[in-house]
């Protein structure tokens, strides 16, 4: 799976890149909010986005808002990374359009847990989109319904 890492801190960018590539993710790096928006405006933009909250020019809040206001056909999961521990900031992160947050500094195991949840949600969203498509394209046959309703989640790759 492709993942965008947007962070103005080169140390965190490098750390995240090392962890994610070690867990078999394809990593795309951005050093600020504008670079992140440029990546997300492409047709082949990644589904998974890790955003630093505080970046120059365009912050993570604005990037998340823009992603959410964009192409409705493109599904993305936004994980905001912040150094703040204030509850009001956590609420603001979720209100701006992020799906989840992680507080710096973080344990790599915590990142794995968040990524596993993100991949599961993205997979379920794809299944839901397929079901909607089958319904809107006409009445699905009995076999199609059975296949769609019996679909089980495949085993997710667990980052090592």
N, C-alpha and C. Protein backbone atom coordinates (compact mmCIF):
# COMPACT_ATOMS: atom_id res chain seq x y z
N UNK A 1 0.84 -1.17 0.00
CA UNK A 1 0.00 0.00 0.00
C UNK A 1 0.89 1.23 0.00
N UNK A 2 0.44 2.24 -0.73
CA UNK A 2 1.18 3.50 -0.81
C UNK A 2 0.75 4.41 0.33
N UNK A 3 1.71 5.13 0.89
CA UNK A 3 1.42 6.05 1.99
C UNK A 3 2.18 7.35 1.79
N UNK A 4 1.48 8.45 2.01
CA UNK A 4 2.11 9.77 1.98
C UNK A 4 2.50 10.15 3.40
N UNK A 5 3.75 10.55 3.57
CA UNK A 5 4.24 11.06 4.84
C UNK A 5 4.57 12.53 4.62
N UNK A 6 3.82 13.41 5.31
CA UNK A 6 4.05 14.85 5.19
C UNK A 6 4.47 15.39 6.56
N UNK A 7 5.72 15.80 6.65
CA UNK A 7 6.26 16.32 7.90
C UNK A 7 7.43 17.24 7.55
N UNK A 8 7.46 18.42 8.17
CA UNK A 8 8.55 19.36 7.88
C UNK A 8 9.83 19.00 8.63
N UNK A 9 9.75 18.11 9.59
CA UNK A 9 10.93 17.69 10.36
C UNK A 9 11.61 16.54 9.62
N UNK A 10 12.83 16.77 9.11
CA UNK A 10 13.50 15.72 8.35
C UNK A 10 13.79 14.46 9.17
N UNK A 11 13.95 14.62 10.48
CA UNK A 11 14.21 13.45 11.32
C UNK A 11 12.98 12.55 11.39
N UNK A 12 11.80 13.16 11.63
CA UNK A 12 10.57 12.36 11.67
C UNK A 12 10.24 11.77 10.31
N UNK A 13 10.47 12.55 9.24
CA UNK A 13 10.24 12.02 7.89
C UNK A 13 11.09 10.78 7.65
N UNK A 14 12.35 10.87 8.02
CA UNK A 14 13.27 9.75 7.84
C UNK A 14 12.87 8.55 8.71
N UNK A 15 12.51 8.82 9.96
CA UNK A 15 12.08 7.76 10.86
C UNK A 15 10.84 7.05 10.31
N UNK A 16 9.85 7.82 9.90
CA UNK A 16 8.63 7.22 9.36
C UNK A 16 8.91 6.45 8.07
N UNK A 17 9.75 7.01 7.21
CA UNK A 17 10.09 6.31 5.98
C UNK A 17 10.75 4.98 6.27
N UNK A 18 11.68 4.97 7.21
CA UNK A 18 12.37 3.74 7.55
C UNK A 18 11.41 2.69 8.12
N UNK A 19 10.56 3.11 9.04
CA UNK A 19 9.58 2.17 9.62
C UNK A 19 8.64 1.62 8.55
N UNK A 20 8.08 2.53 7.76
CA UNK A 20 7.07 2.13 6.77
C UNK A 20 7.64 1.25 5.67
N UNK A 21 8.81 1.58 5.17
CA UNK A 21 9.40 0.73 4.13
C UNK A 21 9.77 -0.62 4.70
N UNK A 22 10.18 -0.65 5.96
CA UNK A 22 10.46 -1.91 6.63
C UNK A 22 9.22 -2.78 6.79
N UNK A 23 8.06 -2.14 6.77
CA UNK A 23 6.78 -2.85 6.88
C UNK A 23 6.12 -3.03 5.51
N UNK A 24 6.90 -2.87 4.45
CA UNK A 24 6.46 -3.09 3.06
C UNK A 24 5.45 -2.09 2.53
N UNK A 25 5.50 -0.86 3.02
CA UNK A 25 4.70 0.21 2.44
C UNK A 25 5.55 0.94 1.42
N UNK A 26 4.91 1.45 0.40
CA UNK A 26 5.58 2.32 -0.57
C UNK A 26 5.38 3.75 -0.07
N UNK A 27 6.47 4.43 0.26
CA UNK A 27 6.40 5.73 0.92
C UNK A 27 6.66 6.87 -0.07
N UNK A 28 5.79 7.87 0.01
CA UNK A 28 5.96 9.12 -0.74
C UNK A 28 6.15 10.21 0.31
N UNK A 29 7.19 11.01 0.16
CA UNK A 29 7.52 12.02 1.17
C UNK A 29 7.15 13.42 0.70
N UNK A 30 6.70 14.23 1.67
CA UNK A 30 6.44 15.65 1.44
C UNK A 30 6.97 16.41 2.64
N UNK A 31 7.62 17.54 2.39
CA UNK A 31 8.22 18.29 3.49
C UNK A 31 7.35 19.45 3.98
N UNK A 32 6.21 19.66 3.32
CA UNK A 32 5.28 20.69 3.78
C UNK A 32 3.88 20.41 3.25
N UNK A 33 2.94 21.23 3.68
CA UNK A 33 1.55 21.02 3.31
C UNK A 33 1.29 21.16 1.82
N UNK A 34 1.96 22.10 1.17
CA UNK A 34 1.73 22.28 -0.27
C UNK A 34 2.20 21.06 -1.05
N UNK A 35 3.35 20.52 -0.69
CA UNK A 35 3.82 19.29 -1.35
C UNK A 35 2.82 18.16 -1.13
N UNK A 36 2.27 18.06 0.07
CA UNK A 36 1.28 17.02 0.37
C UNK A 36 0.04 17.19 -0.52
N UNK A 37 -0.43 18.42 -0.66
CA UNK A 37 -1.60 18.67 -1.51
C UNK A 37 -1.29 18.36 -2.97
N UNK A 38 -0.08 18.67 -3.41
CA UNK A 38 0.32 18.34 -4.79
C UNK A 38 0.25 16.83 -5.01
N UNK A 39 0.75 16.05 -4.06
CA UNK A 39 0.72 14.59 -4.17
C UNK A 39 -0.73 14.10 -4.18
N UNK A 40 -1.55 14.66 -3.30
CA UNK A 40 -2.93 14.20 -3.19
C UNK A 40 -3.81 14.65 -4.34
N UNK A 41 -3.35 15.62 -5.13
CA UNK A 41 -4.14 16.06 -6.28
C UNK A 41 -3.92 15.17 -7.51
N UNK A 42 -2.93 14.29 -7.44
CA UNK A 42 -2.67 13.38 -8.55
C UNK A 42 -3.72 12.28 -8.61
N UNK A 43 -3.91 11.76 -9.80
CA UNK A 43 -4.88 10.68 -10.00
C UNK A 43 -4.50 9.43 -9.21
N UNK A 44 -3.20 9.18 -9.07
CA UNK A 44 -2.73 7.98 -8.38
C UNK A 44 -2.31 8.27 -6.94
N UNK A 45 -3.01 9.20 -6.29
CA UNK A 45 -2.64 9.58 -4.92
C UNK A 45 -2.83 8.41 -3.95
N UNK A 46 -2.02 8.38 -2.91
CA UNK A 46 -2.11 7.27 -1.96
C UNK A 46 -3.39 7.32 -1.13
N UNK A 47 -3.80 6.17 -0.64
CA UNK A 47 -5.00 6.10 0.20
C UNK A 47 -4.69 6.40 1.66
N UNK A 48 -3.47 6.21 2.06
CA UNK A 48 -3.08 6.39 3.45
C UNK A 48 -2.19 7.63 3.55
N UNK A 49 -2.56 8.55 4.48
CA UNK A 49 -1.86 9.83 4.61
C UNK A 49 -1.48 10.04 6.07
N UNK A 50 -0.19 10.24 6.32
CA UNK A 50 0.30 10.60 7.65
C UNK A 50 0.73 12.05 7.60
N UNK A 51 0.03 12.89 8.35
CA UNK A 51 0.25 14.33 8.31
C UNK A 51 0.75 14.86 9.63
N UNK A 52 1.81 15.65 9.59
CA UNK A 52 2.21 16.41 10.76
C UNK A 52 1.23 17.57 10.91
N UNK A 53 0.90 17.90 12.14
CA UNK A 53 -0.05 18.98 12.38
C UNK A 53 0.57 20.33 12.01
N UNK A 54 1.74 20.61 12.53
CA UNK A 54 2.36 21.91 12.34
C UNK A 54 3.42 21.86 11.25
N UNK A 55 3.07 22.46 10.11
CA UNK A 55 4.01 22.56 8.98
C UNK A 55 3.95 23.99 8.46
N UNK A 56 5.02 24.45 7.82
CA UNK A 56 5.02 25.81 7.29
C UNK A 56 4.04 25.94 6.11
N UNK A 57 3.65 27.17 5.87
CA UNK A 57 2.75 27.52 4.76
C UNK A 57 1.34 26.95 4.99
N UNK A 58 1.17 25.68 4.73
CA UNK A 58 -0.14 25.03 4.89
C UNK A 58 0.01 23.95 5.95
N UNK A 59 -0.76 24.06 7.03
CA UNK A 59 -0.62 23.09 8.11
C UNK A 59 -1.44 21.83 7.84
N UNK A 60 -1.27 20.85 8.71
CA UNK A 60 -1.95 19.57 8.55
C UNK A 60 -3.46 19.69 8.58
N UNK A 61 -3.99 20.65 9.37
CA UNK A 61 -5.44 20.86 9.42
C UNK A 61 -5.98 21.21 8.04
N UNK A 62 -5.31 22.18 7.40
CA UNK A 62 -5.78 22.63 6.08
C UNK A 62 -5.62 21.53 5.03
N UNK A 63 -4.54 20.77 5.12
CA UNK A 63 -4.36 19.65 4.18
C UNK A 63 -5.50 18.64 4.36
N UNK A 64 -5.81 18.29 5.60
CA UNK A 64 -6.89 17.33 5.86
C UNK A 64 -8.23 17.87 5.35
N UNK A 65 -8.51 19.15 5.61
CA UNK A 65 -9.76 19.76 5.12
C UNK A 65 -9.84 19.69 3.60
N UNK A 66 -8.73 19.99 2.95
CA UNK A 66 -8.71 19.99 1.48
C UNK A 66 -8.90 18.57 0.94
N UNK A 67 -8.25 17.60 1.55
CA UNK A 67 -8.41 16.21 1.12
C UNK A 67 -9.87 15.80 1.25
N UNK A 68 -10.50 16.14 2.37
CA UNK A 68 -11.90 15.77 2.59
C UNK A 68 -12.85 16.49 1.64
N UNK A 69 -12.48 17.67 1.20
CA UNK A 69 -13.34 18.43 0.29
C UNK A 69 -13.11 18.11 -1.16
N UNK A 70 -12.18 17.21 -1.45
CA UNK A 70 -11.80 16.90 -2.83
C UNK A 70 -12.64 15.82 -3.47
N UNK A 71 -12.00 15.02 -4.26
CA UNK A 71 -12.63 13.96 -5.06
C UNK A 71 -13.32 12.94 -4.17
N UNK A 72 -14.65 12.89 -4.27
CA UNK A 72 -15.43 11.97 -3.43
C UNK A 72 -15.20 10.51 -3.81
N UNK A 73 -14.71 10.27 -5.02
CA UNK A 73 -14.47 8.89 -5.45
C UNK A 73 -13.16 8.33 -4.90
N UNK A 74 -12.29 9.22 -4.45
CA UNK A 74 -11.01 8.76 -3.91
C UNK A 74 -11.13 8.66 -2.39
N UNK A 75 -10.90 7.48 -1.88
CA UNK A 75 -10.98 7.25 -0.44
C UNK A 75 -9.58 7.37 0.14
N UNK A 76 -9.48 8.11 1.21
CA UNK A 76 -8.19 8.22 1.89
C UNK A 76 -8.41 8.20 3.39
N UNK A 77 -7.41 7.72 4.08
CA UNK A 77 -7.41 7.67 5.54
C UNK A 77 -6.31 8.60 6.01
N UNK A 78 -6.69 9.58 6.82
CA UNK A 78 -5.73 10.59 7.28
C UNK A 78 -5.42 10.38 8.75
N UNK A 79 -4.15 10.13 9.03
CA UNK A 79 -3.65 9.99 10.40
C UNK A 79 -2.80 11.22 10.70
N UNK A 80 -3.29 12.07 11.61
CA UNK A 80 -2.58 13.28 11.98
C UNK A 80 -1.59 12.97 13.10
N UNK A 81 -0.38 13.48 12.96
CA UNK A 81 0.66 13.28 13.96
C UNK A 81 0.94 14.62 14.62
N UNK A 82 0.89 14.64 15.95
CA UNK A 82 1.03 15.90 16.67
C UNK A 82 1.83 15.71 17.96
N UNK A 83 2.40 16.79 18.42
CA UNK A 83 3.08 16.78 19.71
C UNK A 83 2.17 17.22 20.84
N UNK A 84 0.98 17.70 20.49
CA UNK A 84 0.05 18.20 21.50
C UNK A 84 -0.70 17.06 22.18
N UNK A 85 -0.91 17.23 23.48
CA UNK A 85 -1.67 16.24 24.24
C UNK A 85 -3.00 16.82 24.74
N UNK A 86 -3.31 18.06 24.34
CA UNK A 86 -4.54 18.69 24.81
C UNK A 86 -5.76 18.06 24.14
N UNK A 87 -6.77 17.77 24.94
CA UNK A 87 -8.00 17.15 24.43
C UNK A 87 -8.67 18.04 23.40
N UNK A 88 -8.64 19.35 23.60
CA UNK A 88 -9.27 20.26 22.63
C UNK A 88 -8.58 20.17 21.27
N UNK A 89 -7.27 19.95 21.26
CA UNK A 89 -6.55 19.79 20.00
C UNK A 89 -6.93 18.47 19.32
N UNK A 90 -7.11 17.43 20.13
CA UNK A 90 -7.50 16.13 19.56
C UNK A 90 -8.86 16.25 18.87
N UNK A 91 -9.78 16.97 19.50
CA UNK A 91 -11.10 17.16 18.91
C UNK A 91 -11.00 17.97 17.63
N UNK A 92 -10.17 19.00 17.64
CA UNK A 92 -9.98 19.83 16.45
C UNK A 92 -9.40 19.01 15.29
N UNK A 93 -8.50 18.10 15.60
CA UNK A 93 -7.91 17.24 14.59
C UNK A 93 -8.99 16.40 13.91
N UNK A 94 -9.88 15.84 14.69
CA UNK A 94 -10.94 15.00 14.12
C UNK A 94 -11.98 15.83 13.37
N UNK A 95 -12.28 17.02 13.87
CA UNK A 95 -13.26 17.89 13.21
C UNK A 95 -12.74 18.37 11.85
N UNK A 96 -11.44 18.57 11.71
CA UNK A 96 -10.89 19.08 10.45
C UNK A 96 -10.91 18.03 9.34
N UNK A 97 -11.17 16.77 9.69
CA UNK A 97 -11.26 15.76 8.65
C UNK A 97 -10.30 14.60 8.80
N UNK A 98 -9.42 14.65 9.80
CA UNK A 98 -8.53 13.51 10.03
C UNK A 98 -9.34 12.35 10.60
N UNK A 99 -8.91 11.15 10.29
CA UNK A 99 -9.59 9.96 10.79
C UNK A 99 -9.09 9.54 12.17
N UNK A 100 -7.85 9.89 12.47
CA UNK A 100 -7.22 9.42 13.70
C UNK A 100 -6.02 10.32 13.97
N UNK A 101 -5.43 10.16 15.14
CA UNK A 101 -4.24 10.94 15.48
C UNK A 101 -3.28 10.09 16.29
N UNK A 102 -2.03 10.52 16.28
CA UNK A 102 -0.97 9.86 17.02
C UNK A 102 -0.11 10.95 17.63
N UNK A 103 0.23 10.80 18.91
CA UNK A 103 0.97 11.84 19.61
C UNK A 103 2.47 11.53 19.60
N UNK A 104 3.28 12.53 19.20
CA UNK A 104 4.73 12.43 19.22
C UNK A 104 5.22 12.64 20.64
N UNK A 105 6.27 12.00 21.05
CA UNK A 105 6.91 10.87 20.37
C UNK A 105 6.03 9.63 20.56
N UNK A 106 6.10 8.73 19.62
CA UNK A 106 5.26 7.54 19.68
C UNK A 106 6.12 6.28 19.59
N UNK A 107 5.57 5.21 20.10
CA UNK A 107 6.20 3.90 20.03
C UNK A 107 5.85 3.30 18.66
N UNK A 108 6.80 2.72 17.95
CA UNK A 108 6.49 2.12 16.65
C UNK A 108 5.32 1.13 16.70
N UNK A 109 5.14 0.42 17.81
CA UNK A 109 4.02 -0.51 17.94
C UNK A 109 2.69 0.23 17.87
N UNK A 110 2.63 1.44 18.45
CA UNK A 110 1.40 2.24 18.37
C UNK A 110 1.10 2.61 16.92
N UNK A 111 2.13 2.96 16.17
CA UNK A 111 1.94 3.28 14.76
C UNK A 111 1.42 2.05 14.01
N UNK A 112 1.96 0.88 14.29
CA UNK A 112 1.49 -0.36 13.65
C UNK A 112 0.00 -0.58 13.90
N UNK A 113 -0.41 -0.35 15.13
CA UNK A 113 -1.82 -0.55 15.50
C UNK A 113 -2.71 0.41 14.72
N UNK A 114 -2.32 1.66 14.64
CA UNK A 114 -3.10 2.65 13.90
C UNK A 114 -3.15 2.30 12.40
N UNK A 115 -2.03 1.85 11.86
CA UNK A 115 -1.99 1.49 10.44
C UNK A 115 -2.86 0.27 10.14
N UNK A 116 -2.86 -0.68 11.03
CA UNK A 116 -3.70 -1.87 10.83
C UNK A 116 -5.17 -1.47 10.81
N UNK A 117 -5.58 -0.60 11.71
CA UNK A 117 -6.96 -0.11 11.70
C UNK A 117 -7.26 0.65 10.42
N UNK A 118 -6.32 1.47 10.00
CA UNK A 118 -6.52 2.24 8.77
C UNK A 118 -6.70 1.33 7.56
N UNK A 119 -5.86 0.31 7.45
CA UNK A 119 -5.97 -0.62 6.32
C UNK A 119 -7.30 -1.36 6.35
N UNK A 120 -7.75 -1.73 7.53
CA UNK A 120 -9.03 -2.44 7.66
C UNK A 120 -10.18 -1.53 7.21
N UNK A 121 -10.16 -0.29 7.65
CA UNK A 121 -11.21 0.65 7.26
C UNK A 121 -11.20 0.90 5.76
N UNK A 122 -10.02 1.08 5.18
CA UNK A 122 -9.93 1.29 3.73
C UNK A 122 -10.45 0.07 2.97
N UNK A 123 -10.13 -1.13 3.46
CA UNK A 123 -10.61 -2.35 2.82
C UNK A 123 -12.14 -2.43 2.90
N UNK A 124 -12.69 -2.14 4.05
CA UNK A 124 -14.15 -2.17 4.22
C UNK A 124 -14.82 -1.13 3.33
N UNK A 125 -14.21 0.03 3.19
CA UNK A 125 -14.76 1.06 2.32
C UNK A 125 -14.77 0.59 0.86
N UNK A 126 -13.72 -0.10 0.44
CA UNK A 126 -13.69 -0.65 -0.92
C UNK A 126 -14.81 -1.66 -1.12
N UNK A 127 -15.03 -2.51 -0.12
CA UNK A 127 -16.12 -3.49 -0.22
C UNK A 127 -17.47 -2.79 -0.31
N UNK A 128 -17.66 -1.75 0.49
CA UNK A 128 -18.91 -0.99 0.46
C UNK A 128 -19.10 -0.33 -0.90
N UNK A 129 -18.04 0.23 -1.45
CA UNK A 129 -18.12 0.84 -2.78
C UNK A 129 -18.52 -0.18 -3.84
N UNK A 130 -17.97 -1.39 -3.76
CA UNK A 130 -18.33 -2.45 -4.71
C UNK A 130 -19.79 -2.83 -4.57
N UNK A 131 -20.28 -2.91 -3.36
CA UNK A 131 -21.68 -3.22 -3.13
C UNK A 131 -22.59 -2.12 -3.68
N UNK A 132 -22.24 -0.88 -3.42
CA UNK A 132 -23.03 0.25 -3.96
C UNK A 132 -23.05 0.20 -5.48
N UNK A 133 -21.91 -0.08 -6.09
CA UNK A 133 -21.83 -0.15 -7.55
C UNK A 133 -22.73 -1.26 -8.08
N UNK A 134 -22.69 -2.42 -7.44
CA UNK A 134 -23.54 -3.55 -7.87
C UNK A 134 -25.01 -3.19 -7.75
N UNK A 135 -25.38 -2.46 -6.72
CA UNK A 135 -26.78 -2.08 -6.53
C UNK A 135 -27.21 -1.04 -7.56
N UNK A 136 -26.39 -0.02 -7.80
CA UNK A 136 -26.77 1.05 -8.71
C UNK A 136 -26.74 0.63 -10.18
N UNK A 137 -25.99 -0.41 -10.52
CA UNK A 137 -25.92 -0.86 -11.91
C UNK A 137 -27.05 -1.82 -12.25
N UNK A 138 -27.97 -1.99 -11.36
CA UNK A 138 -29.09 -2.88 -11.62
C UNK A 138 -29.25 -3.82 -10.46
N UNK A 139 -30.18 -4.70 -10.59
CA UNK A 139 -30.44 -5.66 -9.54
C UNK A 139 -29.41 -6.77 -9.62
N UNK A 140 -28.59 -6.89 -8.59
CA UNK A 140 -27.59 -7.96 -8.62
C UNK A 140 -28.27 -9.33 -8.58
N UNK A 141 -27.66 -10.28 -9.22
CA UNK A 141 -28.18 -11.63 -9.20
C UNK A 141 -28.02 -12.21 -7.80
N UNK A 142 -28.72 -13.31 -7.56
CA UNK A 142 -28.64 -13.96 -6.26
C UNK A 142 -27.18 -14.32 -5.94
N UNK A 143 -26.46 -14.81 -6.92
CA UNK A 143 -25.05 -15.18 -6.70
C UNK A 143 -24.20 -13.98 -6.33
N UNK A 144 -24.47 -12.83 -6.97
CA UNK A 144 -23.72 -11.62 -6.65
C UNK A 144 -23.99 -11.20 -5.22
N UNK A 145 -25.27 -11.22 -4.83
CA UNK A 145 -25.62 -10.86 -3.45
C UNK A 145 -24.94 -11.78 -2.46
N UNK A 146 -25.00 -13.08 -2.74
CA UNK A 146 -24.37 -14.03 -1.82
C UNK A 146 -22.88 -13.79 -1.70
N UNK A 147 -22.26 -13.52 -2.84
CA UNK A 147 -20.82 -13.25 -2.83
C UNK A 147 -20.52 -11.99 -2.03
N UNK A 148 -21.29 -10.93 -2.29
CA UNK A 148 -21.05 -9.67 -1.60
C UNK A 148 -21.31 -9.78 -0.10
N UNK A 149 -22.37 -10.48 0.27
CA UNK A 149 -22.73 -10.57 1.68
C UNK A 149 -21.85 -11.54 2.46
N UNK A 150 -21.26 -12.51 1.77
CA UNK A 150 -20.40 -13.48 2.45
C UNK A 150 -18.93 -13.10 2.42
N UNK A 151 -18.65 -11.96 1.82
CA UNK A 151 -17.25 -11.54 1.72
C UNK A 151 -16.67 -11.40 3.12
N UNK A 152 -15.56 -12.03 3.30
CA UNK A 152 -14.87 -11.91 4.58
C UNK A 152 -13.58 -11.16 4.36
N UNK A 153 -13.10 -10.58 5.41
CA UNK A 153 -11.87 -9.82 5.31
C UNK A 153 -10.69 -10.76 5.13
N UNK A 154 -9.84 -10.44 4.18
CA UNK A 154 -8.63 -11.25 4.02
C UNK A 154 -7.69 -10.95 5.18
N UNK A 155 -6.75 -11.83 5.42
CA UNK A 155 -5.79 -11.51 6.48
C UNK A 155 -4.99 -10.27 6.08
N UNK A 156 -4.87 -9.36 7.01
CA UNK A 156 -4.12 -8.15 6.73
C UNK A 156 -2.66 -8.37 7.02
N UNK A 157 -1.80 -7.78 6.19
CA UNK A 157 -0.38 -7.91 6.47
C UNK A 157 -0.07 -7.17 7.77
N UNK A 158 0.54 -7.84 8.68
CA UNK A 158 0.90 -7.22 9.95
C UNK A 158 2.33 -6.72 9.83
N UNK A 159 2.49 -5.38 9.93
CA UNK A 159 3.85 -4.86 9.84
C UNK A 159 4.73 -5.49 10.91
N UNK A 160 5.93 -5.82 10.52
CA UNK A 160 6.87 -6.46 11.45
C UNK A 160 7.73 -5.44 12.13
